[in-house]
Structure formats: C-alpha cells, structure tokens
C-alpha cells in the first residue's frame, strides 16, 4: 500500500546548512548561527573557533550589538520626554527646597500618613 503524505506542500528542499549539518554532526540551526556570526562578527567567530566563547554566547553578543543603537536611541528619546515633563512640572530654575512652602498640604500629608489626616 502506498503511503500518502498530506504535508507534501510544507516540506522543503535540503539546504546547504542541512548538508553541512550532516557533515559536521551538529544541527542545521547551529550551522546557520555559526555562519551568521562569521559574516557579522569575525572577532567573535575567532573566539568561538578558539574555544574561548560558546556559540550561544557569541550569538547573544551579536544580537546585543545589533540592538545597542536601537536601545540607545530609545533611552535618549525617553530621557528627553522625561525632561520635558519635569520642566512642565518644575520650570527650569525651580528649587524644590527653596520653594517648599509651595507644596500643597495634601501632597505633604500623603508623604506623611501619620499626621492625623485619617490616611493609613
């Protein structure tokens, strides 16, 4: 009896990584990761080859390097936004110590709940 494969359309042709995998005894994904590290971070590829760092650690470092500019830009945007909000609340030159008498009493009692205001 002939076996029918229902998932024939989802099978893929063997790729170079699969052939390299068979030749080296590691998974195709490991071959693909090693190739990407070699292409994008030759310094890390050398350290992996020398046994000084694992392939997984090198892959994480490549990912960190790729994300670093994005994270830096986001931090700068957040810093500017927070500074704008702080400037709205306390205009430049505002000294909270010097202007302590301008702090509303409700805010002061929220900071000290044992002042008899009924808050616990």
PDB file of N, CA and C in Angstrom:
ATOM      1  N   UNK A   1       0.834  -1.179   0.000  1.00  0.00           N
ATOM      2  CA  UNK A   1       0.000   0.000   0.000  1.00  0.00           C
ATOM      3  C   UNK A   1       0.880   1.244   0.000  1.00  0.00           C
ATOM      4  N   UNK A   2       0.544   2.202  -0.812  1.00  0.00           N
ATOM      5  CA  UNK A   2       1.301   3.447  -0.935  1.00  0.00           C
ATOM      6  C   UNK A   2       0.895   4.416   0.163  1.00  0.00           C
ATOM      7  N   UNK A   3       1.912   4.987   0.812  1.00  0.00           N
ATOM      8  CA  UNK A   3       1.642   5.950   1.881  1.00  0.00           C
ATOM      9  C   UNK A   3       1.508   7.346   1.276  1.00  0.00           C
ATOM     10  N   UNK A   4       0.477   8.053   1.682  1.00  0.00           N
ATOM     11  CA  UNK A   4       0.238   9.392   1.168  1.00  0.00           C
ATOM     12  C   UNK A   4       0.690  10.395   2.217  1.00  0.00           C
ATOM     13  N   UNK A   5       1.475  11.338   1.780  1.00  0.00           N
ATOM     14  CA  UNK A   5       1.970  12.382   2.679  1.00  0.00           C
ATOM     15  C   UNK A   5       1.079  13.610   2.507  1.00  0.00           C
ATOM     16  N   UNK A   6       0.350  13.941   3.554  1.00  0.00           N
ATOM     17  CA  UNK A   6      -0.572  15.071   3.493  1.00  0.00           C
ATOM     18  C   UNK A   6       0.139  16.412   3.575  1.00  0.00           C
ATOM     19  N   UNK A   7       1.354  16.426   4.095  1.00  0.00           N
ATOM     20  CA  UNK A   7       2.086  17.673   4.273  1.00  0.00           C
ATOM     21  C   UNK A   7       3.152  17.865   3.197  1.00  0.00           C
ATOM     22  N   UNK A   8       2.938  17.327   2.038  1.00  0.00           N
ATOM     23  CA  UNK A   8       3.935  17.411   0.980  1.00  0.00           C
ATOM     24  C   UNK A   8       4.241  18.853   0.599  1.00  0.00           C
ATOM     25  N   UNK A   9       3.269  19.718   0.670  1.00  0.00           N
ATOM     26  CA  UNK A   9       3.498  21.105   0.281  1.00  0.00           C
ATOM     27  C   UNK A   9       4.289  21.877   1.330  1.00  0.00           C
ATOM     28  N   UNK A  10       4.414  21.361   2.549  1.00  0.00           N
ATOM     29  CA  UNK A  10       5.148  22.072   3.597  1.00  0.00           C
ATOM     30  C   UNK A  10       6.592  21.591   3.719  1.00  0.00           C
ATOM     31  N   UNK A  11       6.954  20.521   2.999  1.00  0.00           N
ATOM     32  CA  UNK A  11       8.329  20.050   3.053  1.00  0.00           C
ATOM     33  C   UNK A  11       9.197  20.955   2.205  1.00  0.00           C
ATOM     34  N   UNK A  12      10.436  21.103   2.638  1.00  0.00           N
ATOM     35  CA  UNK A  12      11.346  21.969   1.901  1.00  0.00           C
ATOM     36  C   UNK A  12      12.505  21.141   1.369  1.00  0.00           C
ATOM     37  N   UNK A  13      13.134  21.672   0.359  1.00  0.00           N
ATOM     38  CA  UNK A  13      14.299  21.006  -0.215  1.00  0.00           C
ATOM     39  C   UNK A  13      15.470  21.156   0.757  1.00  0.00           C
ATOM     40  N   UNK A  14      16.373  20.185   0.793  1.00  0.00           N
ATOM     41  CA  UNK A  14      17.538  20.312   1.680  1.00  0.00           C
ATOM     42  C   UNK A  14      18.336  21.569   1.348  1.00  0.00           C
ATOM     43  N   UNK A  15      18.750  22.256   2.357  1.00  0.00           N
ATOM     44  CA  UNK A  15      19.529  23.471   2.176  1.00  0.00           C
ATOM     45  C   UNK A  15      20.998  23.164   2.468  1.00  0.00           C
ATOM     46  N   UNK A  16      21.851  24.119   2.126  1.00  0.00           N
ATOM     47  CA  UNK A  16      23.285  23.948   2.360  1.00  0.00           C
ATOM     48  C   UNK A  16      23.548  23.714   3.844  1.00  0.00           C
ATOM     49  N   UNK A  17      22.794  24.388   4.709  1.00  0.00           N
ATOM     50  CA  UNK A  17      23.006  24.205   6.146  1.00  0.00           C
ATOM     51  C   UNK A  17      22.707  22.765   6.559  1.00  0.00           C
ATOM     52  N   UNK A  18      21.732  22.135   5.899  1.00  0.00           N
ATOM     53  CA  UNK A  18      21.398  20.748   6.221  1.00  0.00           C
ATOM     54  C   UNK A  18      22.511  19.801   5.782  1.00  0.00           C
ATOM     55  N   UNK A  19      23.108  20.091   4.633  1.00  0.00           N
ATOM     56  CA  UNK A  19      24.224  19.255   4.171  1.00  0.00           C
ATOM     57  C   UNK A  19      25.435  19.449   5.088  1.00  0.00           C
ATOM     58  N   UNK A  20      25.690  20.697   5.496  1.00  0.00           N
ATOM     59  CA  UNK A  20      26.800  20.955   6.420  1.00  0.00           C
ATOM     60  C   UNK A  20      26.525  20.309   7.769  1.00  0.00           C
ATOM     61  N   UNK A  21      25.281  20.297   8.161  1.00  0.00           N
ATOM     62  CA  UNK A  21      24.885  19.672   9.418  1.00  0.00           C
ATOM     63  C   UNK A  21      25.203  18.177   9.408  1.00  0.00           C
ATOM     64  N   UNK A  22      24.861  17.533   8.319  1.00  0.00           N
ATOM     65  CA  UNK A  22      25.125  16.098   8.195  1.00  0.00           C
ATOM     66  C   UNK A  22      26.622  15.818   8.214  1.00  0.00           C
ATOM     67  N   UNK A  23      27.399  16.710   7.632  1.00  0.00           N
ATOM     68  CA  UNK A  23      28.846  16.509   7.560  1.00  0.00           C
ATOM     69  C   UNK A  23      29.532  16.776   8.898  1.00  0.00           C
ATOM     70  N   UNK A  24      28.989  17.680   9.698  1.00  0.00           N
ATOM     71  CA  UNK A  24      29.658  18.063  10.943  1.00  0.00           C
ATOM     72  C   UNK A  24      29.056  17.429  12.190  1.00  0.00           C
ATOM     73  N   UNK A  25      27.835  16.945  12.082  1.00  0.00           N
ATOM     74  CA  UNK A  25      27.212  16.297  13.233  1.00  0.00           C
ATOM     75  C   UNK A  25      26.534  17.272  14.194  1.00  0.00           C
ATOM     76  N   UNK A  26      26.285  18.486  13.744  1.00  0.00           N
ATOM     77  CA  UNK A  26      25.539  19.450  14.560  1.00  0.00           C
ATOM     78  C   UNK A  26      24.254  19.792  13.820  1.00  0.00           C
ATOM     79  N   UNK A  27      23.342  20.481  14.482  1.00  0.00           N
ATOM     80  CA  UNK A  27      22.068  20.803  13.848  1.00  0.00           C
ATOM     81  C   UNK A  27      22.236  21.851  12.750  1.00  0.00           C
ATOM     82  N   UNK A  28      21.280  21.858  11.845  1.00  0.00           N
ATOM     83  CA  UNK A  28      21.284  22.852  10.784  1.00  0.00           C
ATOM     84  C   UNK A  28      21.192  24.263  11.332  1.00  0.00           C
ATOM     85  N   UNK A  29      20.453  24.439  12.408  1.00  0.00           N
ATOM     86  CA  UNK A  29      20.329  25.757  13.044  1.00  0.00           C
ATOM     87  C   UNK A  29      21.676  26.219  13.606  1.00  0.00           C
ATOM     88  N   UNK A  30      22.447  25.286  14.164  1.00  0.00           N
ATOM     89  CA  UNK A  30      23.774  25.630  14.686  1.00  0.00           C
ATOM     90  C   UNK A  30      24.687  26.067  13.553  1.00  0.00           C
ATOM     91  N   UNK A  31      24.609  25.386  12.422  1.00  0.00           N
ATOM     92  CA  UNK A  31      25.403  25.762  11.250  1.00  0.00           C
ATOM     93  C   UNK A  31      25.007  27.165  10.794  1.00  0.00           C
ATOM     94  N   UNK A  32      23.710  27.430  10.732  1.00  0.00           N
ATOM     95  CA  UNK A  32      23.209  28.734  10.304  1.00  0.00           C
ATOM     96  C   UNK A  32      23.673  29.838  11.263  1.00  0.00           C
ATOM     97  N   UNK A  33      23.626  29.572  12.565  1.00  0.00           N
ATOM     98  CA  UNK A  33      24.063  30.553  13.562  1.00  0.00           C
ATOM     99  C   UNK A  33      25.556  30.821  13.419  1.00  0.00           C
ATOM    100  N   UNK A  34      26.349  29.773  13.264  1.00  0.00           N
ATOM    101  CA  UNK A  34      27.797  29.939  13.111  1.00  0.00           C
ATOM    102  C   UNK A  34      28.126  30.753  11.865  1.00  0.00           C
ATOM    103  N   UNK A  35      27.406  30.502  10.782  1.00  0.00           N
ATOM    104  CA  UNK A  35      27.630  31.243   9.546  1.00  0.00           C
ATOM    105  C   UNK A  35      27.300  32.726   9.751  1.00  0.00           C
ATOM    106  N   UNK A  36      26.195  33.011  10.417  1.00  0.00           N
ATOM    107  CA  UNK A  36      25.802  34.401  10.656  1.00  0.00           C
ATOM    108  C   UNK A  36      26.831  35.115  11.526  1.00  0.00           C
ATOM    109  N   UNK A  37      27.363  34.423  12.518  1.00  0.00           N
ATOM    110  CA  UNK A  37      28.388  35.029  13.381  1.00  0.00           C
ATOM    111  C   UNK A  37      29.655  35.305  12.576  1.00  0.00           C
ATOM    112  N   UNK A  38      30.036  34.351  11.743  1.00  0.00           N
ATOM    113  CA  UNK A  38      31.240  34.534  10.914  1.00  0.00           C
ATOM    114  C   UNK A  38      31.081  35.729   9.979  1.00  0.00           C
ATOM    115  N   UNK A  39      29.883  35.912   9.419  1.00  0.00           N
ATOM    116  CA  UNK A  39      29.641  37.012   8.473  1.00  0.00           C
ATOM    117  C   UNK A  39      29.514  38.364   9.171  1.00  0.00           C
ATOM    118  N   UNK A  40      28.939  38.384  10.381  1.00  0.00           N
ATOM    119  CA  UNK A  40      28.614  39.654  11.036  1.00  0.00           C
ATOM    120  C   UNK A  40      29.562  40.063  12.156  1.00  0.00           C
ATOM    121  N   UNK A  41      30.332  39.125  12.675  1.00  0.00           N
ATOM    122  CA  UNK A  41      31.228  39.442  13.796  1.00  0.00           C
ATOM    123  C   UNK A  41      32.424  38.502  13.750  1.00  0.00           C
ATOM    124  N   UNK A  42      33.349  38.806  12.864  1.00  0.00           N
ATOM    125  CA  UNK A  42      34.504  37.917  12.686  1.00  0.00           C
ATOM    126  C   UNK A  42      35.319  37.792  13.971  1.00  0.00           C
ATOM    127  N   UNK A  43      35.350  38.847  14.792  1.00  0.00           N
ATOM    128  CA  UNK A  43      36.089  38.764  16.058  1.00  0.00           C
ATOM    129  C   UNK A  43      35.490  37.695  16.970  1.00  0.00           C
ATOM    130  N   UNK A  44      34.163  37.612  16.995  1.00  0.00           N
ATOM    131  CA  UNK A  44      33.510  36.584  17.817  1.00  0.00           C
ATOM    132  C   UNK A  44      33.687  35.202  17.204  1.00  0.00           C
ATOM    133  N   UNK A  45      33.665  35.133  15.881  1.00  0.00           N
ATOM    134  CA  UNK A  45      33.864  33.840  15.214  1.00  0.00           C
ATOM    135  C   UNK A  45      35.223  33.258  15.574  1.00  0.00           C
ATOM    136  N   UNK A  46      36.239  34.113  15.622  1.00  0.00           N
ATOM    137  CA  UNK A  46      37.578  33.651  16.004  1.00  0.00           C
ATOM    138  C   UNK A  46      37.589  33.142  17.439  1.00  0.00           C
ATOM    139  N   UNK A  47      36.891  33.843  18.328  1.00  0.00           N
ATOM    140  CA  UNK A  47      36.850  33.414  19.737  1.00  0.00           C
ATOM    141  C   UNK A  47      36.087  32.096  19.892  1.00  0.00           C
ATOM    142  N   UNK A  48      35.017  31.907  19.104  1.00  0.00           N
ATOM    143  CA  UNK A  48      34.281  30.639  19.133  1.00  0.00           C
ATOM    144  C   UNK A  48      35.187  29.525  18.630  1.00  0.00           C
ATOM    145  N   UNK A  49      35.876  29.772  17.519  1.00  0.00           N
ATOM    146  CA  UNK A  49      36.770  28.771  16.932  1.00  0.00           C
ATOM    147  C   UNK A  49      37.891  28.392  17.906  1.00  0.00           C
ATOM    148  N   UNK A  50      38.378  29.364  18.677  1.00  0.00           N
ATOM    149  CA  UNK A  50      39.446  29.111  19.648  1.00  0.00           C
ATOM    150  C   UNK A  50      38.922  28.465  20.926  1.00  0.00           C
ATOM    151  N   UNK A  51      37.599  28.367  21.055  1.00  0.00           N
ATOM    152  CA  UNK A  51      37.017  27.756  22.258  1.00  0.00           C
ATOM    153  C   UNK A  51      36.938  28.704  23.440  1.00  0.00           C
ATOM    154  N   UNK A  52      37.106  29.997  23.215  1.00  0.00           N
ATOM    155  CA  UNK A  52      37.080  30.973  24.312  1.00  0.00           C
ATOM    156  C   UNK A  52      35.665  31.418  24.660  1.00  0.00           C
ATOM    157  N   UNK A  53      34.726  31.249  23.717  1.00  0.00           N
ATOM    158  CA  UNK A  53      33.339  31.640  23.960  1.00  0.00           C
ATOM    159  C   UNK A  53      32.436  30.632  23.241  1.00  0.00           C
ATOM    160  N   UNK A  54      31.294  30.358  23.826  1.00  0.00           N
ATOM    161  CA  UNK A  54      30.373  29.405  23.201  1.00  0.00           C
ATOM    162  C   UNK A  54      29.654  30.059  22.030  1.00  0.00           C
ATOM    163  N   UNK A  55      29.141  29.230  21.151  1.00  0.00           N
ATOM    164  CA  UNK A  55      28.395  29.735  20.005  1.00  0.00           C
ATOM    165  C   UNK A  55      27.163  30.496  20.483  1.00  0.00           C
ATOM    166  N   UNK A  56      26.502  29.972  21.496  1.00  0.00           N
ATOM    167  CA  UNK A  56      25.308  30.630  22.045  1.00  0.00           C
ATOM    168  C   UNK A  56      25.658  32.015  22.589  1.00  0.00           C
ATOM    169  N   UNK A  57      26.737  32.121  23.347  1.00  0.00           N
ATOM    170  CA  UNK A  57      27.150  33.415  23.905  1.00  0.00           C
ATOM    171  C   UNK A  57      27.519  34.390  22.793  1.00  0.00           C
ATOM    172  N   UNK A  58      28.168  33.897  21.756  1.00  0.00           N
ATOM    173  CA  UNK A  58      28.527  34.753  20.626  1.00  0.00           C
ATOM    174  C   UNK A  58      27.270  35.245  19.905  1.00  0.00           C
ATOM    175  N   UNK A  59      26.294  34.364  19.752  1.00  0.00           N
ATOM    176  CA  UNK A  59      25.038  34.763  19.100  1.00  0.00           C
ATOM    177  C   UNK A  59      24.326  35.828  19.922  1.00  0.00           C
ATOM    178  N   UNK A  60      24.328  35.680  21.233  1.00  0.00           N
ATOM    179  CA  UNK A  60      23.716  36.690  22.116  1.00  0.00           C
ATOM    180  C   UNK A  60      24.453  38.022  21.996  1.00  0.00           C
ATOM    181  N   UNK A  61      25.767  37.992  21.883  1.00  0.00           N
ATOM    182  CA  UNK A  61      26.553  39.220  21.754  1.00  0.00           C
ATOM    183  C   UNK A  61      26.268  39.904  20.418  1.00  0.00           C
ATOM    184  N   UNK A  62      26.131  39.131  19.348  1.00  0.00           N
ATOM    185  CA  UNK A  62      25.780  39.708  18.049  1.00  0.00           C
ATOM    186  C   UNK A  62      24.419  40.385  18.145  1.00  0.00           C
ATOM    187  N   UNK A  63      23.476  39.723  18.789  1.00  0.00           N
ATOM    188  CA  UNK A  63      22.143  40.301  18.976  1.00  0.00           C
ATOM    189  C   UNK A  63      22.222  41.589  19.802  1.00  0.00           C
ATOM    190  N   UNK A  64      23.031  41.574  20.858  1.00  0.00           N
ATOM    191  CA  UNK A  64      23.192  42.771  21.701  1.00  0.00           C
ATOM    192  C   UNK A  64      23.780  43.919  20.883  1.00  0.00           C
ATOM    193  N   UNK A  65      24.782  43.604  20.065  1.00  0.00           N
ATOM    194  CA  UNK A  65      25.408  44.640  19.226  1.00  0.00           C
ATOM    195  C   UNK A  65      24.412  45.227  18.230  1.00  0.00           C
ATOM    196  N   UNK A  66      23.557  44.371  17.673  1.00  0.00           N
ATOM    197  CA  UNK A  66      22.568  44.849  16.717  1.00  0.00           C
ATOM    198  C   UNK A  66      21.517  45.729  17.387  1.00  0.00           C
ATOM    199  N   UNK A  67      21.156  45.393  18.618  1.00  0.00           N
ATOM    200  CA  UNK A  67      20.118  46.143  19.328  1.00  0.00           C
ATOM    201  C   UNK A  67      20.642  47.385  20.035  1.00  0.00           C
ATOM    202  N   UNK A  68      21.938  47.464  20.277  1.00  0.00           N
ATOM    203  CA  UNK A  68      22.512  48.576  21.054  1.00  0.00           C
ATOM    204  C   UNK A  68      22.140  49.955  20.502  1.00  0.00           C
ATOM    205  N   UNK A  69      22.249  50.218  19.196  1.00  0.00           N
ATOM    206  CA  UNK A  69      21.875  51.549  18.711  1.00  0.00           C
ATOM    207  C   UNK A  69      20.385  51.845  18.882  1.00  0.00           C
ATOM    208  N   UNK A  70      19.562  50.822  18.747  1.00  0.00           N
ATOM    209  CA  UNK A  70      18.116  50.995  18.916  1.00  0.00           C
ATOM    210  C   UNK A  70      17.804  51.333  20.366  1.00  0.00           C
ATOM    211  N   UNK A  71      18.415  50.590  21.276  1.00  0.00           N
ATOM    212  CA  UNK A  71      18.202  50.838  22.699  1.00  0.00           C
ATOM    213  C   UNK A  71      18.711  52.221  23.084  1.00  0.00           C
ATOM    214  N   UNK A  72      19.880  52.596  22.574  1.00  0.00           N
ATOM    215  CA  UNK A  72      20.448  53.909  22.888  1.00  0.00           C
ATOM    216  C   UNK A  72      19.523  55.025  22.415  1.00  0.00           C
ATOM    217  N   UNK A  73      18.984  54.896  21.212  1.00  0.00           N
ATOM    218  CA  UNK A  73      18.071  55.913  20.681  1.00  0.00           C
ATOM    219  C   UNK A  73      16.806  55.993  21.529  1.00  0.00           C
ATOM    220  N   UNK A  74      16.289  54.839  21.967  1.00  0.00           N
ATOM    221  CA  UNK A  74      15.081  54.836  22.796  1.00  0.00           C
ATOM    222  C   UNK A  74      15.349  55.485  24.147  1.00  0.00           C
ATOM    223  N   UNK A  75      16.500  55.206  24.729  1.00  0.00           N
ATOM    224  CA  UNK A  75      16.861  55.814  26.017  1.00  0.00           C
ATOM    225  C   UNK A  75      16.943  57.327  25.871  1.00  0.00           C
ATOM    226  N   UNK A  76      17.534  57.804  24.793  1.00  0.00           N
ATOM    227  CA  UNK A  76      17.638  59.247  24.563  1.00  0.00           C
ATOM    228  C   UNK A  76      16.257  59.878  24.390  1.00  0.00           C
ATOM    229  N   UNK A  77      15.368  59.200  23.633  1.00  0.00           N
ATOM    230  CA  UNK A  77      14.004  59.719  23.477  1.00  0.00           C
ATOM    231  C   UNK A  77      13.291  59.776  24.818  1.00  0.00           C
ATOM    232  N   UNK A  78      13.426  58.716  25.608  1.00  0.00           N
ATOM    233  CA  UNK A  78      12.788  58.678  26.929  1.00  0.00           C
ATOM    234  C   UNK A  78      13.341  59.767  27.839  1.00  0.00           C
ATOM    235  N   UNK A  79      14.655  59.975  27.784  1.00  0.00           N
ATOM    236  CA  UNK A  79      15.290  60.992  28.625  1.00  0.00           C
ATOM    237  C   UNK A  79      14.773  62.389  28.269  1.00  0.00           C
ATOM    238  N   UNK A  80      14.679  62.658  26.959  1.00  0.00           N
ATOM    239  CA  UNK A  80      14.156  63.970  26.530  1.00  0.00           C
ATOM    240  C   UNK A  80      12.704  64.149  26.959  1.00  0.00           C
ATOM    241  N   UNK A  81      11.901  63.099  26.791  1.00  0.00           N
ATOM    242  CA  UNK A  81      10.491  63.170  27.165  1.00  0.00           C
ATOM    243  C   UNK A  81      10.329  63.393  28.668  1.00  0.00           C
ATOM    244  N   UNK A  82      11.096  62.689  29.456  1.00  0.00           N
ATOM    245  CA  UNK A  82      11.030  62.866  30.910  1.00  0.00           C
ATOM    246  C   UNK A  82      11.486  64.263  31.318  1.00  0.00           C
ATOM    247  N   UNK A  83      12.508  64.785  30.638  1.00  0.00           N
ATOM    248  CA  UNK A  83      12.974  66.131  30.959  1.00  0.00           C
ATOM    249  C   UNK A  83      11.908  67.166  30.619  1.00  0.00           C
ATOM    250  N   UNK A  84      11.224  66.969  29.488  1.00  0.00           N
ATOM    251  CA  UNK A  84      10.136  67.880  29.127  1.00  0.00           C
ATOM    252  C   UNK A  84       9.019  67.850  30.161  1.00  0.00           C
ATOM    253  N   UNK A  85       8.675  66.660  30.626  1.00  0.00           N
ATOM    254  CA  UNK A  85       7.641  66.541  31.662  1.00  0.00           C
ATOM    255  C   UNK A  85       8.093  67.188  32.970  1.00  0.00           C
ATOM    256  N   UNK A  86       9.351  66.967  33.324  1.00  0.00           N
ATOM    257  CA  UNK A  86       9.874  67.566  34.551  1.00  0.00           C
ATOM    258  C   UNK A  86       9.883  69.085  34.440  1.00  0.00           C
ATOM    259  N   UNK A  87      10.199  69.617  33.256  1.00  0.00           N
ATOM    260  CA  UNK A  87      10.206  71.062  33.052  1.00  0.00           C
ATOM    261  C   UNK A  87       8.795  71.649  33.125  1.00  0.00           C
ATOM    262  N   UNK A  88       7.794  70.852  32.705  1.00  0.00           N
ATOM    263  CA  UNK A  88       6.409  71.307  32.830  1.00  0.00           C
ATOM    264  C   UNK A  88       5.998  71.399  34.294  1.00  0.00           C
ATOM    265  N   UNK A  89       6.385  70.413  35.077  1.00  0.00           N
ATOM    266  CA  UNK A  89       6.021  70.367  36.492  1.00  0.00           C
ATOM    267  C   UNK A  89       6.831  71.386  37.282  1.00  0.00           C
ATOM    268  N   UNK A  90       8.114  71.376  37.078  1.00  0.00           N
ATOM    269  CA  UNK A  90       9.028  72.296  37.759  1.00  0.00           C
ATOM    270  C   UNK A  90       9.817  73.046  36.699  1.00  0.00           C
ATOM    271  N   UNK A  91       9.439  74.293  36.418  1.00  0.00           N
ATOM    272  CA  UNK A  91      10.153  75.045  35.393  1.00  0.00           C
ATOM    273  C   UNK A  91      11.642  75.141  35.713  1.00  0.00           C
ATOM    274  N   UNK A  92      12.479  75.300  34.679  1.00  0.00           N
ATOM    275  CA  UNK A  92      13.911  75.444  34.936  1.00  0.00           C
ATOM    276  C   UNK A  92      14.168  76.559  35.948  1.00  0.00           C
ATOM    277  N   UNK A  93      15.065  76.304  36.857  1.00  0.00           N
ATOM    278  CA  UNK A  93      15.362  77.274  37.901  1.00  0.00           C
ATOM    279  C   UNK A  93      14.531  77.071  39.154  1.00  0.00           C
ATOM    280  N   UNK A  94      13.550  76.187  39.122  1.00  0.00           N
ATOM    281  CA  UNK A  94      12.717  75.910  40.289  1.00  0.00           C
ATOM    282  C   UNK A  94      13.520  75.103  41.295  1.00  0.00           C
ATOM    283  N   UNK A  95      13.599  75.578  42.512  1.00  0.00           N
ATOM    284  CA  UNK A  95      14.323  74.883  43.579  1.00  0.00           C
ATOM    285  C   UNK A  95      13.301  74.327  44.561  1.00  0.00           C
ATOM    286  N   UNK A  96      13.106  73.002  44.604  1.00  0.00           N
ATOM    287  CA  UNK A  96      12.082  72.426  45.473  1.00  0.00           C
ATOM    288  C   UNK A  96      12.343  72.681  46.954  1.00  0.00           C
ATOM    289  N   UNK A  97      13.592  72.824  47.344  1.00  0.00           N
ATOM    290  CA  UNK A  97      13.901  73.100  48.754  1.00  0.00           C
ATOM    291  C   UNK A  97      13.548  74.547  49.088  1.00  0.00           C
ATOM    292  N   UNK A  98      13.960  75.431  48.216  1.00  0.00           N
ATOM    293  CA  UNK A  98      13.695  76.850  48.435  1.00  0.00           C
ATOM    294  C   UNK A  98      12.201  77.159  48.375  1.00  0.00           C
ATOM    295  N   UNK A  99      11.468  76.402  47.552  1.00  0.00           N
ATOM    296  CA  UNK A  99      10.043  76.653  47.372  1.00  0.00           C
ATOM    297  C   UNK A  99       9.187  75.605  48.070  1.00  0.00           C
ATOM    298  N   UNK A 100       9.651  75.062  49.169  1.00  0.00           N
ATOM    299  CA  UNK A 100       8.927  74.014  49.884  1.00  0.00           C
ATOM    300  C   UNK A 100       7.570  74.492  50.371  1.00  0.00           C
ATOM    301  N   UNK A 101       7.429  75.780  50.645  1.00  0.00           N
ATOM    302  CA  UNK A 101       6.149  76.304  51.110  1.00  0.00           C
ATOM    303  C   UNK A 101       5.087  76.273  50.013  1.00  0.00           C
ATOM    304  N   UNK A 102       5.487  76.031  48.750  1.00  0.00           N
ATOM    305  CA  UNK A 102       4.530  75.978  47.655  1.00  0.00           C
ATOM    306  C   UNK A 102       3.970  74.581  47.431  1.00  0.00           C
ATOM    307  N   UNK A 103       4.477  73.599  48.185  1.00  0.00           N
ATOM    308  CA  UNK A 103       3.991  72.231  48.062  1.00  0.00           C
ATOM    309  C   UNK A 103       2.626  72.163  48.734  1.00  0.00           C
ATOM    310  N   UNK A 104       1.587  71.704  48.022  1.00  0.00           N
ATOM    311  CA  UNK A 104       0.249  71.627  48.623  1.00  0.00           C
ATOM    312  C   UNK A 104       0.244  70.727  49.843  1.00  0.00           C
ATOM    313  N   UNK A 105      -0.595  71.064  50.801  1.00  0.00           N
ATOM    314  CA  UNK A 105      -0.640  70.292  52.049  1.00  0.00           C
ATOM    315  C   UNK A 105      -1.120  68.869  51.806  1.00  0.00           C
ATOM    316  N   UNK A 106      -1.975  68.636  50.811  1.00  0.00           N
ATOM    317  CA  UNK A 106      -2.437  67.272  50.513  1.00  0.00           C
ATOM    318  C   UNK A 106      -1.258  66.398  50.091  1.00  0.00           C
ATOM    319  N   UNK A 107      -0.355  66.974  49.327  1.00  0.00           N
ATOM    320  CA  UNK A 107       0.818  66.219  48.915  1.00  0.00           C
ATOM    321  C   UNK A 107       1.708  65.942  50.107  1.00  0.00           C
ATOM    322  N   UNK A 108       1.833  66.918  50.993  1.00  0.00           N
ATOM    323  CA  UNK A 108       2.652  66.725  52.182  1.00  0.00           C
ATOM    324  C   UNK A 108       2.054  65.662  53.090  1.00  0.00           C
ATOM    325  N   UNK A 109       0.727  65.663  53.248  1.00  0.00           N
ATOM    326  CA  UNK A 109       0.110  64.657  54.114  1.00  0.00           C
ATOM    327  C   UNK A 109       0.163  63.274  53.489  1.00  0.00           C
ATOM    328  N   UNK A 110       0.190  63.199  52.174  1.00  0.00           N
ATOM    329  CA  UNK A 110       0.326  61.896  51.522  1.00  0.00           C
ATOM    330  C   UNK A 110       1.702  61.322  51.786  1.00  0.00           C
ATOM    331  N   UNK A 111       2.684  62.206  51.941  1.00  0.00           N
ATOM    332  CA  UNK A 111       4.027  61.741  52.238  1.00  0.00           C
ATOM    333  C   UNK A 111       4.160  61.322  53.689  1.00  0.00           C
ATOM    334  N   UNK A 112       3.355  61.885  54.569  1.00  0.00           N
ATOM    335  CA  UNK A 112       3.412  61.571  55.989  1.00  0.00           C
ATOM    336  C   UNK A 112       2.014  61.156  56.443  1.00  0.00           C
ATOM    337  N   UNK A 113       1.637  59.890  56.302  1.00  0.00           N
ATOM    338  CA  UNK A 113       0.269  59.462  56.592  1.00  0.00           C
ATOM    339  C   UNK A 113      -0.100  59.492  58.077  1.00  0.00           C
ATOM    340  N   UNK A 114       0.837  59.703  58.967  1.00  0.00           N
ATOM    341  CA  UNK A 114       0.546  59.681  60.396  1.00  0.00           C
ATOM    342  C   UNK A 114       0.337  61.093  60.962  1.00  0.00           C
ATOM    343  N   UNK A 115      -0.095  61.998  60.139  1.00  0.00           N
ATOM    344  CA  UNK A 115      -0.270  63.356  60.605  1.00  0.00           C
ATOM    345  C   UNK A 115      -1.681  63.622  61.106  1.00  0.00           C
ATOM    346  N   UNK A 116      -2.506  62.573  61.228  1.00  0.00           N
ATOM    347  CA  UNK A 116      -3.844  62.743  61.757  1.00  0.00           C
ATOM    348  C   UNK A 116      -4.874  63.034  60.680  1.00  0.00           C
ATOM    349  N   UNK A 117      -4.513  62.886  59.414  1.00  0.00           N
ATOM    350  CA  UNK A 117      -5.453  63.198  58.352  1.00  0.00           C
ATOM    351  C   UNK A 117      -6.418  62.066  58.089  1.00  0.00           C
ATOM    352  N   UNK A 118      -6.251  60.941  58.770  1.00  0.00           N
ATOM    353  CA  UNK A 118      -7.148  59.815  58.596  1.00  0.00           C
ATOM    354  C   UNK A 118      -6.644  58.812  57.585  1.00  0.00           C
ATOM    355  N   UNK A 119      -5.563  59.130  56.904  1.00  0.00           N
ATOM    356  CA  UNK A 119      -4.984  58.186  55.941  1.00  0.00           C
ATOM    357  C   UNK A 119      -4.104  57.204  56.696  1.00  0.00           C
ATOM    358  N   UNK A 120      -4.137  55.950  56.280  1.00  0.00           N
ATOM    359  CA  UNK A 120      -3.267  54.985  56.943  1.00  0.00           C
ATOM    360  C   UNK A 120      -2.238  54.448  56.024  1.00  0.00           C
TER     361      UNK A 120
END
